Structures are given as C-alpha cells and as structure tokens.
C-alpha atoms as a PDB file:
ATOM      1  CA  MET A   1       0.191   0.117  -0.155  1.00  0.00           C
ATOM      2  CA  PHE A   2       2.864   2.521   1.009  1.00  0.00           C
ATOM      3  CA  LYS A   3       4.561   1.692  -2.299  1.00  0.00           C
ATOM      4  CA  PHE A   4       1.275   2.535  -4.300  1.00  0.00           C
ATOM      5  CA  LEU A   5       1.061   5.658  -2.556  1.00  0.00           C
ATOM      6  CA  LYS A   6       4.605   6.484  -3.308  1.00  0.00           C
ATOM      7  CA  ILE A   7       4.352   5.915  -6.850  1.00  0.00           C
ATOM      8  CA  ALA A   8       0.943   7.769  -7.069  1.00  0.00           C
ATOM      9  CA  PHE A   9       2.395  10.851  -5.597  1.00  0.00           C
ATOM     10  CA  ARG A  10       5.325  10.929  -7.981  1.00  0.00           C
ATOM     11  CA  VAL A  11       3.265  10.621 -11.040  1.00  0.00           C
ATOM     12  CA  ILE A  12       1.149  13.520  -9.774  1.00  0.00           C
ATOM     13  CA  TRP A  13       4.072  15.636  -8.744  1.00  0.00           C
ATOM     14  CA  ALA A  14       5.627  14.903 -12.254  1.00  0.00           C
ATOM     15  CA  VAL A  15       2.354  15.751 -14.262  1.00  0.00           C
ATOM     16  CA  CYS A  16       1.948  18.827 -12.076  1.00  0.00           C
ATOM     17  CA  MET A  17       5.547  20.135 -12.364  1.00  0.00           C
ATOM     18  CA  ILE A  18       5.724  19.713 -16.149  1.00  0.00           C
ATOM     19  CA  VAL A  19       2.333  21.237 -16.820  1.00  0.00           C
ATOM     20  CA  SER A  20       2.814  24.438 -14.786  1.00  0.00           C
ATOM     21  CA  CYS A  21       6.406  24.788 -16.280  1.00  0.00           C
ATOM     22  CA  VAL A  22       5.079  24.301 -19.647  1.00  0.00           C
ATOM     23  CA  THR A  23       2.239  26.736 -18.936  1.00  0.00           C
ATOM     24  CA  PHE A  24       4.432  29.196 -17.681  1.00  0.00           C
ATOM     25  CA  GLY A  25       6.860  29.251 -20.199  1.00  0.00           C
ATOM     26  CA  VAL A  26       4.369  29.669 -22.915  1.00  0.00           C
ATOM     27  CA  VAL A  27       2.472  32.598 -21.269  1.00  0.00           C
ATOM     28  CA  TYR A  28       5.685  34.132 -20.635  1.00  0.00           C
ATOM     29  CA  GLY A  29       6.918  33.605 -24.248  1.00  0.00           C
ATOM     30  CA  TRP A  30       3.573  34.724 -25.553  1.00  0.00           C
ATOM     31  CA  GLN A  31       3.702  37.693 -23.498  1.00  0.00           C
ATOM     32  CA  ARG A  32       6.990  38.771 -24.519  1.00  0.00           C
ATOM     33  CA  HIS A  33       7.870  37.344 -28.125  1.00  0.00           C
ATOM     34  CA  GLY A  34       4.715  36.199 -29.762  1.00  0.00           C
ATOM     35  CA  TRP A  35       4.148  32.852 -31.195  1.00  0.00           C
ATOM     36  CA  MET A  36       7.941  31.710 -31.803  1.00  0.00           C
ATOM     37  CA  GLY A  37       8.848  32.791 -28.059  1.00  0.00           C
ATOM     38  CA  ALA A  38       5.487  30.403 -26.915  1.00  0.00           C
ATOM     39  CA  ILE A  39       6.740  27.790 -28.673  1.00  0.00           C
ATOM     40  CA  ALA A  40      10.421  28.487 -27.673  1.00  0.00           C
ATOM     41  CA  LEU A  41       9.981  28.937 -24.111  1.00  0.00           C
ATOM     42  CA  GLY A  42       6.880  26.215 -24.001  1.00  0.00           C
ATOM     43  CA  PHE A  43       9.914  23.728 -24.969  1.00  0.00           C
ATOM     44  CA  VAL A  44      12.330  25.446 -22.220  1.00  0.00           C
ATOM     45  CA  GLY A  45       9.458  24.611 -19.666  1.00  0.00           C
ATOM     46  CA  LEU A  46       8.945  21.155 -20.754  1.00  0.00           C
ATOM     47  CA  VAL A  47      12.734  20.328 -20.214  1.00  0.00           C
ATOM     48  CA  ALA A  48      12.716  22.193 -16.854  1.00  0.00           C
ATOM     49  CA  GLY A  49       9.367  20.614 -15.913  1.00  0.00           C
ATOM     50  CA  THR A  50      11.040  17.063 -16.763  1.00  0.00           C
ATOM     51  CA  PHE A  51      13.817  17.606 -14.378  1.00  0.00           C
ATOM     52  CA  LEU A  52      12.047  18.878 -11.869  1.00  0.00           C
ATOM     53  CA  GLY A  53       9.236  16.603 -12.086  1.00  0.00           C
ATOM     54  CA  TYR A  54      11.707  13.605 -11.870  1.00  0.00           C
ATOM     55  CA  SER A  55      12.208  14.095  -7.997  1.00  0.00           C
ATOM     56  CA  PRO A  56      10.985  16.454  -5.433  1.00  0.00           C
ATOM     57  CA  GLU A  57      13.887  16.468  -3.618  1.00  0.00           C
ATOM     58  CA  PHE A  58      15.692  18.338  -6.666  1.00  0.00           C
ATOM     59  CA  LEU A  59      13.405  21.191  -6.321  1.00  0.00           C
ATOM     60  CA  LEU A  60      13.988  21.410  -2.680  1.00  0.00           C
ATOM     61  CA  GLN A  61      17.552  21.709  -2.970  1.00  0.00           C
ATOM     62  CA  ILE A  62      17.432  24.692  -5.768  1.00  0.00           C
ATOM     63  CA  LEU A  63      14.973  26.440  -3.334  1.00  0.00           C
ATOM     64  CA  HIS A  64      17.690  25.817  -0.636  1.00  0.00           C
ATOM     65  CA  VAL A  65      20.364  27.455  -2.664  1.00  0.00           C
ATOM     66  CA  MET A  66      18.361  30.603  -3.396  1.00  0.00           C
END
C-alpha cells in the first residue's frame, strides 16, 4: 500500500510540475515574444519541468540554494 502511494505521488508530482512549467513558459513567451517565443519557451518549460518532476528533492535543493 505504501509503495502504491509513493508511486501515485510521484506521478501526480511529475504531471503537475511539467504542466505548470510548460504553461509558465508558454504564457511568458507569448507575452514577450509572440508565437515563436511561446513555442520556444514552452519547450524550455517542458525540459525544466521534466527535471523538476523527476524528483521533488531536486526542487527543494534548488530552493534551498536560493
């Protein structure tokens, strides 16, 4: 049961991080640079969201350094 909850949490975490990073990248790119910026920064958000979604500890380490 605990293993299932851990896997479910990781899947939910990864999906939330990827969606939020892509959304932020697209909105920021659209406001500053138009279509090309939305596409480019959406892709950057996808890559960043993948790294942040891989491990919640990674995000906490980044926040701790700041």
